[in-house]
């Protein structure tokens, strides 16, 4: 079983690495997951790397991101109570899910990183072939990975996608969270969205939490999993200390 990217894709020639930002479980007072965020090898931001990605090399870039994230996580994550590793992936870089996942599986096996601790998240901001995306998500679930929609509420598919596939996690877009403590409309929208996700059995993560006021409102709404600068900033090739008192 082969795919177009394996046989025809160009190499991604620039070196890069990862920073990690935690997703905090405030109820348990523990880290639920660390999200792997691409960085230049010199510590430069994601934009310096992503600007080099094009349709010809995105398969190679996507594959290298997975490998680098898992390798670093295997070195950094505590083994006694291992958090999840959240990896952003590009659905348009996956041609045939079970063929394109082989390098990921080999890296997890080589580093002894458990598959059920890996979350693959994608952003709904990019317009996607829904049938192709559903094939990827269902294949990943069958393999044992968890799946997540990132930036929910900011993109194209949103609710329509949820009617056809319920991922393990939905991350609410930071624009819905920013200033929620002083915006009654956002409070209503987020509250109703959380109710819907609970009914569907989907775990909610609120990202972009930057103030104590936002944190307080989200806790009052029953959100346990939070991510943002108020909790911890990304750390280059390391794990961030949690600044929030659980």
C-alpha atoms as a PDB file:
ATOM      1  CA  UNK A   1       0.000   0.000   0.000  1.00  0.00           C
ATOM      2  CA  UNK A   2       1.567   3.303  -1.136  1.00  0.00           C
ATOM      3  CA  UNK A   3       0.427   6.876  -1.475  1.00  0.00           C
ATOM      4  CA  UNK A   4       1.107   9.870  -3.685  1.00  0.00           C
ATOM      5  CA  UNK A   5       3.105  11.688  -1.017  1.00  0.00           C
ATOM      6  CA  UNK A   6       5.386   8.709  -0.404  1.00  0.00           C
ATOM      7  CA  UNK A   7       6.259   8.338  -4.070  1.00  0.00           C
ATOM      8  CA  UNK A   8       5.968  11.813  -5.580  1.00  0.00           C
ATOM      9  CA  UNK A   9       6.347  14.318  -2.744  1.00  0.00           C
ATOM     10  CA  UNK A  10       9.340  16.612  -2.391  1.00  0.00           C
ATOM     11  CA  UNK A  11      11.571  16.539   0.669  1.00  0.00           C
ATOM     12  CA  UNK A  12      11.276  19.228   3.333  1.00  0.00           C
ATOM     13  CA  UNK A  13      14.827  20.456   3.547  1.00  0.00           C
ATOM     14  CA  UNK A  14      14.711  22.924   6.444  1.00  0.00           C
ATOM     15  CA  UNK A  15      15.356  21.796   9.997  1.00  0.00           C
ATOM     16  CA  UNK A  16      12.837  22.497  12.749  1.00  0.00           C
ATOM     17  CA  UNK A  17      11.859  21.324  16.195  1.00  0.00           C
ATOM     18  CA  UNK A  18       9.018  21.664  18.703  1.00  0.00           C
ATOM     19  CA  UNK A  19       7.884  23.687  21.680  1.00  0.00           C
ATOM     20  CA  UNK A  20       5.304  22.260  24.075  1.00  0.00           C
ATOM     21  CA  UNK A  21       2.349  24.027  25.678  1.00  0.00           C
ATOM     22  CA  UNK A  22       0.287  22.246  28.336  1.00  0.00           C
ATOM     23  CA  UNK A  23      -3.452  21.720  28.475  1.00  0.00           C
ATOM     24  CA  UNK A  24      -4.335  21.857  32.161  1.00  0.00           C
ATOM     25  CA  UNK A  25      -6.975  19.735  33.861  1.00  0.00           C
ATOM     26  CA  UNK A  26      -7.961  22.188  36.578  1.00  0.00           C
ATOM     27  CA  UNK A  27     -10.240  19.707  38.314  1.00  0.00           C
ATOM     28  CA  UNK A  28      -7.463  17.154  38.784  1.00  0.00           C
ATOM     29  CA  UNK A  29      -4.729  19.731  39.195  1.00  0.00           C
ATOM     30  CA  UNK A  30      -2.624  17.953  36.586  1.00  0.00           C
ATOM     31  CA  UNK A  31      -1.524  18.312  32.985  1.00  0.00           C
ATOM     32  CA  UNK A  32      -3.913  16.556  30.625  1.00  0.00           C
ATOM     33  CA  UNK A  33      -1.771  17.002  27.512  1.00  0.00           C
ATOM     34  CA  UNK A  34       1.070  18.934  25.948  1.00  0.00           C
ATOM     35  CA  UNK A  35       0.506  20.347  22.471  1.00  0.00           C
ATOM     36  CA  UNK A  36       3.504  20.154  20.142  1.00  0.00           C
ATOM     37  CA  UNK A  37       4.030  23.473  18.345  1.00  0.00           C
ATOM     38  CA  UNK A  38       6.492  23.774  15.495  1.00  0.00           C
ATOM     39  CA  UNK A  39       9.512  26.065  15.942  1.00  0.00           C
ATOM     40  CA  UNK A  40      12.627  26.841  13.986  1.00  0.00           C
ATOM     41  CA  UNK A  41      15.746  25.059  15.207  1.00  0.00           C
ATOM     42  CA  UNK A  42      17.040  28.459  16.332  1.00  0.00           C
ATOM     43  CA  UNK A  43      13.898  29.065  18.398  1.00  0.00           C
ATOM     44  CA  UNK A  44      12.148  31.191  15.772  1.00  0.00           C
ATOM     45  CA  UNK A  45       8.362  31.151  15.579  1.00  0.00           C
ATOM     46  CA  UNK A  46       6.127  28.794  13.680  1.00  0.00           C
ATOM     47  CA  UNK A  47       5.683  31.253  10.831  1.00  0.00           C
ATOM     48  CA  UNK A  48       9.346  30.978   9.851  1.00  0.00           C
ATOM     49  CA  UNK A  49       8.847  27.255   9.264  1.00  0.00           C
ATOM     50  CA  UNK A  50       5.296  27.176   7.924  1.00  0.00           C
ATOM     51  CA  UNK A  51       6.131  29.780   5.286  1.00  0.00           C
ATOM     52  CA  UNK A  52       8.351  27.143   3.651  1.00  0.00           C
ATOM     53  CA  UNK A  53       5.576  24.553   3.362  1.00  0.00           C
ATOM     54  CA  UNK A  54       3.981  24.161  -0.053  1.00  0.00           C
ATOM     55  CA  UNK A  55       1.811  21.501  -1.767  1.00  0.00           C
ATOM     56  CA  UNK A  56       4.920  19.660  -2.971  1.00  0.00           C
ATOM     57  CA  UNK A  57       6.634  19.248   0.404  1.00  0.00           C
ATOM     58  CA  UNK A  58       3.738  19.275   2.874  1.00  0.00           C
ATOM     59  CA  UNK A  59       3.606  15.476   3.077  1.00  0.00           C
ATOM     60  CA  UNK A  60       7.268  15.320   4.131  1.00  0.00           C
ATOM     61  CA  UNK A  61       6.769  18.223   6.548  1.00  0.00           C
ATOM     62  CA  UNK A  62       3.705  16.606   8.128  1.00  0.00           C
ATOM     63  CA  UNK A  63       5.571  13.315   8.556  1.00  0.00           C
ATOM     64  CA  UNK A  64       8.604  15.014  10.100  1.00  0.00           C
ATOM     65  CA  UNK A  65       6.395  16.949  12.530  1.00  0.00           C
ATOM     66  CA  UNK A  66       4.903  13.719  13.853  1.00  0.00           C
ATOM     67  CA  UNK A  67       8.279  12.054  14.247  1.00  0.00           C
ATOM     68  CA  UNK A  68       9.904  15.026  15.965  1.00  0.00           C
ATOM     69  CA  UNK A  69       6.968  15.536  18.339  1.00  0.00           C
ATOM     70  CA  UNK A  70       6.883  11.888  19.418  1.00  0.00           C
ATOM     71  CA  UNK A  71      10.643  11.633  19.811  1.00  0.00           C
ATOM     72  CA  UNK A  72      10.821  14.730  22.011  1.00  0.00           C
ATOM     73  CA  UNK A  73       7.753  13.762  24.023  1.00  0.00           C
ATOM     74  CA  UNK A  74       9.216  10.330  24.702  1.00  0.00           C
ATOM     75  CA  UNK A  75      12.294  12.037  26.159  1.00  0.00           C
ATOM     76  CA  UNK A  76      10.461  14.713  28.165  1.00  0.00           C
ATOM     77  CA  UNK A  77       7.177  13.265  29.403  1.00  0.00           C
ATOM     78  CA  UNK A  78       7.063  11.602  32.831  1.00  0.00           C
ATOM     79  CA  UNK A  79       6.467   7.875  32.511  1.00  0.00           C
ATOM     80  CA  UNK A  80       4.712   7.353  35.820  1.00  0.00           C
ATOM     81  CA  UNK A  81       1.681   9.470  34.871  1.00  0.00           C
ATOM     82  CA  UNK A  82       2.150  10.175  31.181  1.00  0.00           C
ATOM     83  CA  UNK A  83       0.079  13.049  29.757  1.00  0.00           C
ATOM     84  CA  UNK A  84      -1.283  13.011  26.241  1.00  0.00           C
ATOM     85  CA  UNK A  85       0.670  14.392  23.307  1.00  0.00           C
ATOM     86  CA  UNK A  86      -1.356  16.569  20.936  1.00  0.00           C
ATOM     87  CA  UNK A  87      -0.007  16.759  17.380  1.00  0.00           C
ATOM     88  CA  UNK A  88      -1.393  19.080  14.721  1.00  0.00           C
ATOM     89  CA  UNK A  89      -1.728  17.370  11.368  1.00  0.00           C
ATOM     90  CA  UNK A  90      -2.565  18.490   7.852  1.00  0.00           C
ATOM     91  CA  UNK A  91      -5.450  16.465   6.386  1.00  0.00           C
ATOM     92  CA  UNK A  92      -4.427  17.573   2.895  1.00  0.00           C
ATOM     93  CA  UNK A  93      -1.023  15.949   3.497  1.00  0.00           C
ATOM     94  CA  UNK A  94      -2.606  12.559   4.188  1.00  0.00           C
ATOM     95  CA  UNK A  95      -3.288  10.671   0.972  1.00  0.00           C
ATOM     96  CA  UNK A  96      -4.143   7.200   2.301  1.00  0.00           C
ATOM     97  CA  UNK A  97      -4.472   7.130   6.110  1.00  0.00           C
ATOM     98  CA  UNK A  98      -3.126   3.662   6.792  1.00  0.00           C
ATOM     99  CA  UNK A  99      -0.221   4.046   4.387  1.00  0.00           C
ATOM    100  CA  UNK A 100       0.724   7.518   5.588  1.00  0.00           C
ATOM    101  CA  UNK A 101       0.619   6.512   9.268  1.00  0.00           C
ATOM    102  CA  UNK A 102       3.365   3.887   9.073  1.00  0.00           C
ATOM    103  CA  UNK A 103       6.226   6.211  10.002  1.00  0.00           C
ATOM    104  CA  UNK A 104       4.225   7.529  12.965  1.00  0.00           C
ATOM    105  CA  UNK A 105       3.564   3.995  14.201  1.00  0.00           C
ATOM    106  CA  UNK A 106       7.204   3.033  13.794  1.00  0.00           C
ATOM    107  CA  UNK A 107       8.337   6.098  15.753  1.00  0.00           C
ATOM    108  CA  UNK A 108       5.898   5.350  18.575  1.00  0.00           C
ATOM    109  CA  UNK A 109       7.085   1.726  18.679  1.00  0.00           C
ATOM    110  CA  UNK A 110      10.760   2.724  18.630  1.00  0.00           C
ATOM    111  CA  UNK A 111      10.336   5.258  21.450  1.00  0.00           C
ATOM    112  CA  UNK A 112       7.858   3.113  23.416  1.00  0.00           C
ATOM    113  CA  UNK A 113       5.254   5.883  23.291  1.00  0.00           C
ATOM    114  CA  UNK A 114       1.702   4.559  23.808  1.00  0.00           C
ATOM    115  CA  UNK A 115      -0.663   5.110  20.902  1.00  0.00           C
ATOM    116  CA  UNK A 116      -3.613   5.869  23.172  1.00  0.00           C
ATOM    117  CA  UNK A 117      -1.714   8.885  24.507  1.00  0.00           C
ATOM    118  CA  UNK A 118      -1.457  10.516  21.068  1.00  0.00           C
ATOM    119  CA  UNK A 119      -4.081  13.061  19.984  1.00  0.00           C
ATOM    120  CA  UNK A 120      -4.209  14.165  16.358  1.00  0.00           C
ATOM    121  CA  UNK A 121      -5.836  17.560  16.014  1.00  0.00           C
ATOM    122  CA  UNK A 122      -6.732  19.460  12.882  1.00  0.00           C
ATOM    123  CA  UNK A 123      -8.034  22.939  12.372  1.00  0.00           C
ATOM    124  CA  UNK A 124     -11.378  23.492  10.672  1.00  0.00           C
ATOM    125  CA  UNK A 125     -10.188  26.862   9.365  1.00  0.00           C
ATOM    126  CA  UNK A 126      -8.780  25.153   6.265  1.00  0.00           C
ATOM    127  CA  UNK A 127     -11.422  24.119   3.735  1.00  0.00           C
ATOM    128  CA  UNK A 128     -11.306  20.349   3.425  1.00  0.00           C
ATOM    129  CA  UNK A 129     -12.816  17.430   1.542  1.00  0.00           C
ATOM    130  CA  UNK A 130     -15.204  16.180   4.226  1.00  0.00           C
ATOM    131  CA  UNK A 131     -15.292  12.582   2.976  1.00  0.00           C
ATOM    132  CA  UNK A 132     -11.497  12.418   2.942  1.00  0.00           C
ATOM    133  CA  UNK A 133     -11.286  13.954   6.418  1.00  0.00           C
ATOM    134  CA  UNK A 134     -13.837  11.492   7.824  1.00  0.00           C
ATOM    135  CA  UNK A 135     -11.841   8.601   6.374  1.00  0.00           C
ATOM    136  CA  UNK A 136      -8.720   9.863   8.174  1.00  0.00           C
ATOM    137  CA  UNK A 137     -10.483  10.405  11.501  1.00  0.00           C
ATOM    138  CA  UNK A 138     -12.200   7.025  11.475  1.00  0.00           C
ATOM    139  CA  UNK A 139      -8.958   5.275  10.526  1.00  0.00           C
ATOM    140  CA  UNK A 140      -7.064   7.013  13.318  1.00  0.00           C
ATOM    141  CA  UNK A 141      -9.722   6.037  15.850  1.00  0.00           C
ATOM    142  CA  UNK A 142      -9.531   2.403  14.716  1.00  0.00           C
ATOM    143  CA  UNK A 143      -5.751   2.436  15.153  1.00  0.00           C
ATOM    144  CA  UNK A 144      -6.102   3.718  18.711  1.00  0.00           C
ATOM    145  CA  UNK A 145      -5.342   7.428  18.462  1.00  0.00           C
ATOM    146  CA  UNK A 146      -7.547  10.165  19.878  1.00  0.00           C
ATOM    147  CA  UNK A 147      -8.817  12.910  17.576  1.00  0.00           C
ATOM    148  CA  UNK A 148      -9.566  16.589  18.086  1.00  0.00           C
ATOM    149  CA  UNK A 149     -11.023  19.528  16.187  1.00  0.00           C
ATOM    150  CA  UNK A 150      -9.034  22.703  16.778  1.00  0.00           C
ATOM    151  CA  UNK A 151     -10.342  26.278  16.443  1.00  0.00           C
ATOM    152  CA  UNK A 152     -13.955  25.101  16.612  1.00  0.00           C
ATOM    153  CA  UNK A 153     -16.291  27.947  15.734  1.00  0.00           C
ATOM    154  CA  UNK A 154     -13.897  29.709  13.398  1.00  0.00           C
ATOM    155  CA  UNK A 155     -13.985  27.570  10.267  1.00  0.00           C
ATOM    156  CA  UNK A 156     -15.955  26.023   7.466  1.00  0.00           C
ATOM    157  CA  UNK A 157     -17.381  22.703   8.614  1.00  0.00           C
ATOM    158  CA  UNK A 158     -18.146  23.044  12.316  1.00  0.00           C
ATOM    159  CA  UNK A 159     -21.544  21.698  13.223  1.00  0.00           C
ATOM    160  CA  UNK A 160     -21.989  19.802   9.959  1.00  0.00           C
ATOM    161  CA  UNK A 161     -18.862  17.780  10.681  1.00  0.00           C
ATOM    162  CA  UNK A 162     -20.040  17.015  14.214  1.00  0.00           C
ATOM    163  CA  UNK A 163     -23.228  15.465  12.852  1.00  0.00           C
ATOM    164  CA  UNK A 164     -21.110  12.928  10.951  1.00  0.00           C
ATOM    165  CA  UNK A 165     -18.240  12.281  13.347  1.00  0.00           C
ATOM    166  CA  UNK A 166     -17.785  12.998  17.031  1.00  0.00           C
ATOM    167  CA  UNK A 167     -14.088  13.390  17.889  1.00  0.00           C
ATOM    168  CA  UNK A 168     -12.758  12.785  21.361  1.00  0.00           C
ATOM    169  CA  UNK A 169     -11.998  16.472  21.872  1.00  0.00           C
ATOM    170  CA  UNK A 170     -13.181  19.817  20.537  1.00  0.00           C
ATOM    171  CA  UNK A 171     -11.041  22.895  21.192  1.00  0.00           C
ATOM    172  CA  UNK A 172     -13.097  26.076  21.211  1.00  0.00           C
ATOM    173  CA  UNK A 173     -11.564  28.874  19.191  1.00  0.00           C
ATOM    174  CA  UNK A 174      -9.765  31.508  21.230  1.00  0.00           C
ATOM    175  CA  UNK A 175     -11.873  34.302  19.730  1.00  0.00           C
ATOM    176  CA  UNK A 176     -14.847  32.839  21.617  1.00  0.00           C
ATOM    177  CA  UNK A 177     -12.830  32.831  24.841  1.00  0.00           C
ATOM    178  CA  UNK A 178     -11.125  36.211  24.628  1.00  0.00           C
ATOM    179  CA  UNK A 179     -12.942  38.624  26.927  1.00  0.00           C
ATOM    180  CA  UNK A 180     -15.702  36.151  27.769  1.00  0.00           C
ATOM    181  CA  UNK A 181     -15.819  37.502  31.322  1.00  0.00           C
ATOM    182  CA  UNK A 182     -17.145  40.844  30.047  1.00  0.00           C
ATOM    183  CA  UNK A 183     -19.176  39.637  27.050  1.00  0.00           C
ATOM    184  CA  UNK A 184     -22.613  38.160  27.799  1.00  0.00           C
ATOM    185  CA  UNK A 185     -23.141  37.028  24.209  1.00  0.00           C
ATOM    186  CA  UNK A 186     -19.942  34.971  24.265  1.00  0.00           C
ATOM    187  CA  UNK A 187     -20.979  33.465  27.596  1.00  0.00           C
ATOM    188  CA  UNK A 188     -24.279  32.321  26.095  1.00  0.00           C
ATOM    189  CA  UNK A 189     -22.679  30.931  22.913  1.00  0.00           C
ATOM    190  CA  UNK A 190     -19.964  29.061  24.807  1.00  0.00           C
ATOM    191  CA  UNK A 191     -22.410  27.761  27.419  1.00  0.00           C
ATOM    192  CA  UNK A 192     -24.724  26.315  24.767  1.00  0.00           C
ATOM    193  CA  UNK A 193     -21.775  24.853  22.844  1.00  0.00           C
ATOM    194  CA  UNK A 194     -20.516  23.137  25.984  1.00  0.00           C
ATOM    195  CA  UNK A 195     -23.976  21.686  26.642  1.00  0.00           C
ATOM    196  CA  UNK A 196     -24.051  20.283  23.103  1.00  0.00           C
ATOM    197  CA  UNK A 197     -20.596  18.735  23.409  1.00  0.00           C
ATOM    198  CA  UNK A 198     -21.494  17.097  26.727  1.00  0.00           C
ATOM    199  CA  UNK A 199     -24.622  15.608  25.152  1.00  0.00           C
ATOM    200  CA  UNK A 200     -22.472  14.228  22.327  1.00  0.00           C
ATOM    201  CA  UNK A 201     -19.906  12.776  24.728  1.00  0.00           C
ATOM    202  CA  UNK A 202     -17.150  15.069  23.420  1.00  0.00           C
ATOM    203  CA  UNK A 203     -14.577  16.618  25.757  1.00  0.00           C
ATOM    204  CA  UNK A 204     -14.213  20.411  25.496  1.00  0.00           C
ATOM    205  CA  UNK A 205     -10.938  22.311  25.716  1.00  0.00           C
ATOM    206  CA  UNK A 206     -10.984  26.105  25.918  1.00  0.00           C
ATOM    207  CA  UNK A 207      -7.847  27.629  24.448  1.00  0.00           C
ATOM    208  CA  UNK A 208      -6.518  31.154  24.513  1.00  0.00           C
ATOM    209  CA  UNK A 209      -7.148  31.729  28.242  1.00  0.00           C
ATOM    210  CA  UNK A 210      -5.177  34.855  29.093  1.00  0.00           C
ATOM    211  CA  UNK A 211      -6.784  36.402  32.177  1.00  0.00           C
ATOM    212  CA  UNK A 212      -8.041  35.406  35.613  1.00  0.00           C
ATOM    213  CA  UNK A 213     -11.497  36.696  34.657  1.00  0.00           C
ATOM    214  CA  UNK A 214     -11.720  34.409  31.632  1.00  0.00           C
ATOM    215  CA  UNK A 215     -10.564  31.485  33.746  1.00  0.00           C
ATOM    216  CA  UNK A 216     -13.182  32.144  36.423  1.00  0.00           C
ATOM    217  CA  UNK A 217     -16.065  32.288  33.938  1.00  0.00           C
ATOM    218  CA  UNK A 218     -14.953  29.091  32.183  1.00  0.00           C
ATOM    219  CA  UNK A 219     -14.699  27.254  35.485  1.00  0.00           C
ATOM    220  CA  UNK A 220     -18.198  28.470  36.378  1.00  0.00           C
ATOM    221  CA  UNK A 221     -19.380  27.031  33.054  1.00  0.00           C
ATOM    222  CA  UNK A 222     -17.931  23.664  34.042  1.00  0.00           C
ATOM    223  CA  UNK A 223     -14.867  23.580  31.797  1.00  0.00           C
ATOM    224  CA  UNK A 224     -12.014  21.487  33.222  1.00  0.00           C
ATOM    225  CA  UNK A 225      -9.489  21.519  30.367  1.00  0.00           C
ATOM    226  CA  UNK A 226      -7.878  24.897  29.685  1.00  0.00           C
ATOM    227  CA  UNK A 227      -4.957  26.139  27.616  1.00  0.00           C
ATOM    228  CA  UNK A 228      -3.455  29.592  27.247  1.00  0.00           C
ATOM    229  CA  UNK A 229      -0.807  32.039  28.353  1.00  0.00           C
ATOM    230  CA  UNK A 230      -2.478  32.596  31.737  1.00  0.00           C
ATOM    231  CA  UNK A 231      -1.784  28.943  32.505  1.00  0.00           C
ATOM    232  CA  UNK A 232       1.542  28.416  30.743  1.00  0.00           C
ATOM    233  CA  UNK A 233       3.400  29.605  27.679  1.00  0.00           C
ATOM    234  CA  UNK A 234       5.048  27.189  25.234  1.00  0.00           C
ATOM    235  CA  UNK A 235       8.551  26.035  26.138  1.00  0.00           C
ATOM    236  CA  UNK A 236      11.153  25.383  23.459  1.00  0.00           C
ATOM    237  CA  UNK A 237      12.063  21.663  23.487  1.00  0.00           C
ATOM    238  CA  UNK A 238      10.837  21.439  27.081  1.00  0.00           C
ATOM    239  CA  UNK A 239       7.802  21.273  29.341  1.00  0.00           C
ATOM    240  CA  UNK A 240       6.298  24.464  30.715  1.00  0.00           C
ATOM    241  CA  UNK A 241       5.869  24.982  34.461  1.00  0.00           C
ATOM    242  CA  UNK A 242       2.225  25.581  35.320  1.00  0.00           C
ATOM    243  CA  UNK A 243       1.678  29.099  36.671  1.00  0.00           C
ATOM    244  CA  UNK A 244      -1.944  28.463  37.642  1.00  0.00           C
ATOM    245  CA  UNK A 245      -2.757  27.284  41.131  1.00  0.00           C
ATOM    246  CA  UNK A 246      -5.055  24.324  40.560  1.00  0.00           C
END
